[in-house]
Each structure stands twice: as structure tokens, then as C-alpha cells.
């Protein structure tokens, strides 16, 4: 398995994974400040996550919000997400990123187990969202 940054040649394979995981497809290009990581096996995307680079204006610190963490159903329990996060931690150290945040659906129990194992802590918060468009 290789961990790579997104390349356009993997778009169809990525969309297959996103459809299986979230019932959606990647549309358009990501902002240059975002980092999209792919786990690749035999030229097939088997894992994905997105790092959105943000600035905490109060603390004056850069951080990443982690989005769309997923692995292909046929490749589960093969440490794909762990490998993706190892790359994330390396990127954070190289770029001086202060911290990571992510949200996760309560039903994703296996993912929560992984996040705890990787050192993430649950914050007491509720996420609110208002659709505009």
C-alpha cells in the first residue's frame, strides 16, 4: 500500500470509494491549502482523507480539520486509516500544525475506537449546521 497526495488520474477510483462510503462524488478541485491523501493498492484507491488547513485566529495557530476519512469495504481491518493518519502526523510535524480536529457520526463505532487509539480525545460539543445553498 502506498500513501499519496491526490492525483487526477485516481478520480474515478476515488469516486467509487466515496460513493460506497458517503454516497457522494468529488466535484471540482480542492483549495490549494487542503491536502487530500489516498491509500493506493494496485492503482486502486482503498483509503482517503482530507485535511482542511485552518487558522485559529484567537490562538494564532494553524490546525487541520480532518474530513472524509474512509476505507474501501473490501480492505477494512488492514490498517489503512492508521497508515493515512501516520502520514497526517508526519505532515503536521513538518508544517508546524498545532492540532487536529474531526467530527464523526455516532454510529461509526470502529472509527471512534481508532481515533481514541491514535490519541484523539472527545470534546464536549455539539456541531450545528445551517444549509445556505
C-alpha atoms as a PDB file:
ATOM      1  CA  UNK A   1       0.000   0.000   0.000  1.00  0.00           C
ATOM      2  CA  UNK A   2       1.199   3.495  -0.864  1.00  0.00           C
ATOM      3  CA  UNK A   3       0.035   6.764   0.650  1.00  0.00           C
ATOM      4  CA  UNK A   4      -0.055   9.528  -1.969  1.00  0.00           C
ATOM      5  CA  UNK A   5      -1.432  13.000  -2.406  1.00  0.00           C
ATOM      6  CA  UNK A   6      -4.439  13.184  -4.719  1.00  0.00           C
ATOM      7  CA  UNK A   7      -3.767  12.980  -8.440  1.00  0.00           C
ATOM      8  CA  UNK A   8      -6.445  13.471 -11.092  1.00  0.00           C
ATOM      9  CA  UNK A   9      -5.740  10.018 -12.560  1.00  0.00           C
ATOM     10  CA  UNK A  10      -7.279   8.479  -9.405  1.00  0.00           C
ATOM     11  CA  UNK A  11     -10.548  10.441  -9.614  1.00  0.00           C
ATOM     12  CA  UNK A  12     -12.752   7.579 -10.881  1.00  0.00           C
ATOM     13  CA  UNK A  13     -11.399   5.154  -8.303  1.00  0.00           C
ATOM     14  CA  UNK A  14     -11.776   7.792  -5.558  1.00  0.00           C
ATOM     15  CA  UNK A  15     -15.364   8.467  -6.592  1.00  0.00           C
ATOM     16  CA  UNK A  16     -16.098   4.743  -6.371  1.00  0.00           C
ATOM     17  CA  UNK A  17     -14.826   4.776  -2.770  1.00  0.00           C
ATOM     18  CA  UNK A  18     -16.699   7.987  -1.895  1.00  0.00           C
ATOM     19  CA  UNK A  19     -19.925   6.573  -3.321  1.00  0.00           C
ATOM     20  CA  UNK A  20     -19.552   3.389  -1.230  1.00  0.00           C
ATOM     21  CA  UNK A  21     -18.645   5.336   1.914  1.00  0.00           C
ATOM     22  CA  UNK A  22     -20.694   8.545   1.797  1.00  0.00           C
ATOM     23  CA  UNK A  23     -23.000   8.286  -1.254  1.00  0.00           C
ATOM     24  CA  UNK A  24     -21.311  11.255  -2.902  1.00  0.00           C
ATOM     25  CA  UNK A  25     -18.723  12.123  -5.555  1.00  0.00           C
ATOM     26  CA  UNK A  26     -15.846  14.559  -5.580  1.00  0.00           C
ATOM     27  CA  UNK A  27     -16.839  17.658  -7.509  1.00  0.00           C
ATOM     28  CA  UNK A  28     -14.328  20.269  -8.556  1.00  0.00           C
ATOM     29  CA  UNK A  29     -10.874  20.966  -7.273  1.00  0.00           C
ATOM     30  CA  UNK A  30      -9.941  21.362  -3.640  1.00  0.00           C
ATOM     31  CA  UNK A  31      -8.398  24.606  -2.409  1.00  0.00           C
ATOM     32  CA  UNK A  32      -4.586  24.580  -2.649  1.00  0.00           C
ATOM     33  CA  UNK A  33      -4.360  24.815   1.145  1.00  0.00           C
ATOM     34  CA  UNK A  34      -6.152  21.441   1.527  1.00  0.00           C
ATOM     35  CA  UNK A  35      -4.296  18.142   1.435  1.00  0.00           C
ATOM     36  CA  UNK A  36      -6.044  15.051   0.079  1.00  0.00           C
ATOM     37  CA  UNK A  37      -4.392  11.750   0.936  1.00  0.00           C
ATOM     38  CA  UNK A  38      -5.045   8.484  -0.867  1.00  0.00           C
ATOM     39  CA  UNK A  39      -4.189   4.931   0.123  1.00  0.00           C
ATOM     40  CA  UNK A  40      -3.428   3.058  -3.094  1.00  0.00           C
ATOM     41  CA  UNK A  41      -3.274  -0.704  -3.716  1.00  0.00           C
ATOM     42  CA  UNK A  42      -2.705  -1.900  -7.291  1.00  0.00           C
ATOM     43  CA  UNK A  43      -3.607   1.575  -8.627  1.00  0.00           C
ATOM     44  CA  UNK A  44      -6.965   1.445  -6.790  1.00  0.00           C
ATOM     45  CA  UNK A  45      -7.979   3.975  -4.113  1.00  0.00           C
ATOM     46  CA  UNK A  46      -8.697   1.986  -0.957  1.00  0.00           C
ATOM     47  CA  UNK A  47      -8.494   4.824   1.577  1.00  0.00           C
ATOM     48  CA  UNK A  48      -8.983   8.576   1.674  1.00  0.00           C
ATOM     49  CA  UNK A  49      -8.953  11.586   3.924  1.00  0.00           C
ATOM     50  CA  UNK A  50      -8.863  15.351   3.510  1.00  0.00           C
ATOM     51  CA  UNK A  51      -7.007  17.877   5.635  1.00  0.00           C
ATOM     52  CA  UNK A  52      -8.541  21.351   5.603  1.00  0.00           C
ATOM     53  CA  UNK A  53      -5.931  23.882   6.742  1.00  0.00           C
ATOM     54  CA  UNK A  54      -7.466  26.461   9.078  1.00  0.00           C
ATOM     55  CA  UNK A  55      -6.245  29.295  11.279  1.00  0.00           C
ATOM     56  CA  UNK A  56      -7.324  29.625  14.896  1.00  0.00           C
ATOM     57  CA  UNK A  57      -7.426  33.422  14.944  1.00  0.00           C
ATOM     58  CA  UNK A  58      -7.635  33.687  18.728  1.00  0.00           C
ATOM     59  CA  UNK A  59      -4.644  31.427  19.419  1.00  0.00           C
ATOM     60  CA  UNK A  60      -2.870  32.418  16.189  1.00  0.00           C
ATOM     61  CA  UNK A  61      -2.242  28.757  15.359  1.00  0.00           C
ATOM     62  CA  UNK A  62      -2.627  26.697  12.216  1.00  0.00           C
ATOM     63  CA  UNK A  63      -4.601  23.488  12.533  1.00  0.00           C
ATOM     64  CA  UNK A  64      -6.171  20.866  10.295  1.00  0.00           C
ATOM     65  CA  UNK A  65      -9.774  19.763  10.253  1.00  0.00           C
ATOM     66  CA  UNK A  66      -9.893  16.137   9.082  1.00  0.00           C
ATOM     67  CA  UNK A  67     -12.718  15.196   6.695  1.00  0.00           C
ATOM     68  CA  UNK A  68     -13.968  12.210   4.706  1.00  0.00           C
ATOM     69  CA  UNK A  69     -11.934   9.513   6.447  1.00  0.00           C
ATOM     70  CA  UNK A  70     -12.832   6.221   4.800  1.00  0.00           C
ATOM     71  CA  UNK A  71     -11.516   2.881   3.644  1.00  0.00           C
ATOM     72  CA  UNK A  72     -12.865   0.555   0.972  1.00  0.00           C
ATOM     73  CA  UNK A  73     -15.163  -2.139   2.421  1.00  0.00           C
ATOM     74  CA  UNK A  74     -13.082  -4.886   0.794  1.00  0.00           C
ATOM     75  CA  UNK A  75      -9.949  -3.601   2.552  1.00  0.00           C
ATOM     76  CA  UNK A  76     -11.231  -2.974   6.083  1.00  0.00           C
ATOM     77  CA  UNK A  77      -9.144  -4.109   9.067  1.00  0.00           C
ATOM     78  CA  UNK A  78      -5.931  -3.714   7.086  1.00  0.00           C
ATOM     79  CA  UNK A  79      -4.776  -0.578   8.958  1.00  0.00           C
ATOM     80  CA  UNK A  80      -5.474   1.750   6.038  1.00  0.00           C
ATOM     81  CA  UNK A  81      -6.785   4.609   8.184  1.00  0.00           C
ATOM     82  CA  UNK A  82      -3.892   4.145  10.615  1.00  0.00           C
ATOM     83  CA  UNK A  83      -1.414   4.491   7.746  1.00  0.00           C
ATOM     84  CA  UNK A  84      -3.218   7.594   6.485  1.00  0.00           C
ATOM     85  CA  UNK A  85      -3.086   9.163   9.953  1.00  0.00           C
ATOM     86  CA  UNK A  86       0.610   8.313  10.323  1.00  0.00           C
ATOM     87  CA  UNK A  87       1.173  10.397   7.191  1.00  0.00           C
ATOM     88  CA  UNK A  88      -1.044  13.153   8.626  1.00  0.00           C
ATOM     89  CA  UNK A  89       1.024  13.267  11.824  1.00  0.00           C
ATOM     90  CA  UNK A  90       4.211  13.496   9.762  1.00  0.00           C
ATOM     91  CA  UNK A  91       2.786  16.371   7.693  1.00  0.00           C
ATOM     92  CA  UNK A  92       1.720  18.176  10.877  1.00  0.00           C
ATOM     93  CA  UNK A  93       5.221  17.968  12.328  1.00  0.00           C
ATOM     94  CA  UNK A  94       6.852  19.159   9.092  1.00  0.00           C
ATOM     95  CA  UNK A  95       4.448  22.070   8.705  1.00  0.00           C
ATOM     96  CA  UNK A  96       4.186  23.146  12.346  1.00  0.00           C
ATOM     97  CA  UNK A  97       0.482  22.387  12.619  1.00  0.00           C
ATOM     98  CA  UNK A  98      -0.657  22.771  16.228  1.00  0.00           C
ATOM     99  CA  UNK A  99      -3.552  20.339  16.383  1.00  0.00           C
ATOM    100  CA  UNK A 100      -6.109  18.249  14.505  1.00  0.00           C
ATOM    101  CA  UNK A 101      -9.878  18.229  14.821  1.00  0.00           C
ATOM    102  CA  UNK A 102     -12.502  15.972  13.305  1.00  0.00           C
ATOM    103  CA  UNK A 103     -16.138  15.125  13.723  1.00  0.00           C
ATOM    104  CA  UNK A 104     -17.638  11.685  13.381  1.00  0.00           C
ATOM    105  CA  UNK A 105     -21.112  10.221  13.229  1.00  0.00           C
ATOM    106  CA  UNK A 106     -22.025   8.432  16.489  1.00  0.00           C
ATOM    107  CA  UNK A 107     -22.751   5.246  14.534  1.00  0.00           C
ATOM    108  CA  UNK A 108     -19.108   4.917  13.404  1.00  0.00           C
ATOM    109  CA  UNK A 109     -18.016   2.955  16.467  1.00  0.00           C
ATOM    110  CA  UNK A 110     -14.992   1.304  14.806  1.00  0.00           C
ATOM    111  CA  UNK A 111     -13.746   4.705  13.640  1.00  0.00           C
ATOM    112  CA  UNK A 112     -14.125   6.096  17.169  1.00  0.00           C
ATOM    113  CA  UNK A 113     -12.065   3.216  18.522  1.00  0.00           C
ATOM    114  CA  UNK A 114      -9.309   4.087  16.041  1.00  0.00           C
ATOM    115  CA  UNK A 115      -9.425   7.801  16.887  1.00  0.00           C
ATOM    116  CA  UNK A 116      -9.066   7.033  20.591  1.00  0.00           C
ATOM    117  CA  UNK A 117      -6.215   4.613  19.858  1.00  0.00           C
ATOM    118  CA  UNK A 118      -4.451   7.358  17.863  1.00  0.00           C
ATOM    119  CA  UNK A 119      -4.711   9.782  20.785  1.00  0.00           C
ATOM    120  CA  UNK A 120      -7.746  11.870  19.839  1.00  0.00           C
ATOM    121  CA  UNK A 121      -9.959  12.986  22.698  1.00  0.00           C
ATOM    122  CA  UNK A 122     -13.684  13.651  22.563  1.00  0.00           C
ATOM    123  CA  UNK A 123     -14.596  17.279  23.123  1.00  0.00           C
ATOM    124  CA  UNK A 124     -17.865  18.098  24.800  1.00  0.00           C
ATOM    125  CA  UNK A 125     -19.552  19.955  21.974  1.00  0.00           C
ATOM    126  CA  UNK A 126     -22.462  19.791  19.593  1.00  0.00           C
ATOM    127  CA  UNK A 127     -21.954  20.533  15.929  1.00  0.00           C
ATOM    128  CA  UNK A 128     -24.524  22.843  14.398  1.00  0.00           C
ATOM    129  CA  UNK A 129     -25.010  23.303  10.675  1.00  0.00           C
ATOM    130  CA  UNK A 130     -27.181  25.585   8.589  1.00  0.00           C
ATOM    131  CA  UNK A 131     -27.544  24.821   4.894  1.00  0.00           C
ATOM    132  CA  UNK A 132     -27.395  28.023   2.833  1.00  0.00           C
ATOM    133  CA  UNK A 133     -27.402  26.803  -0.778  1.00  0.00           C
END
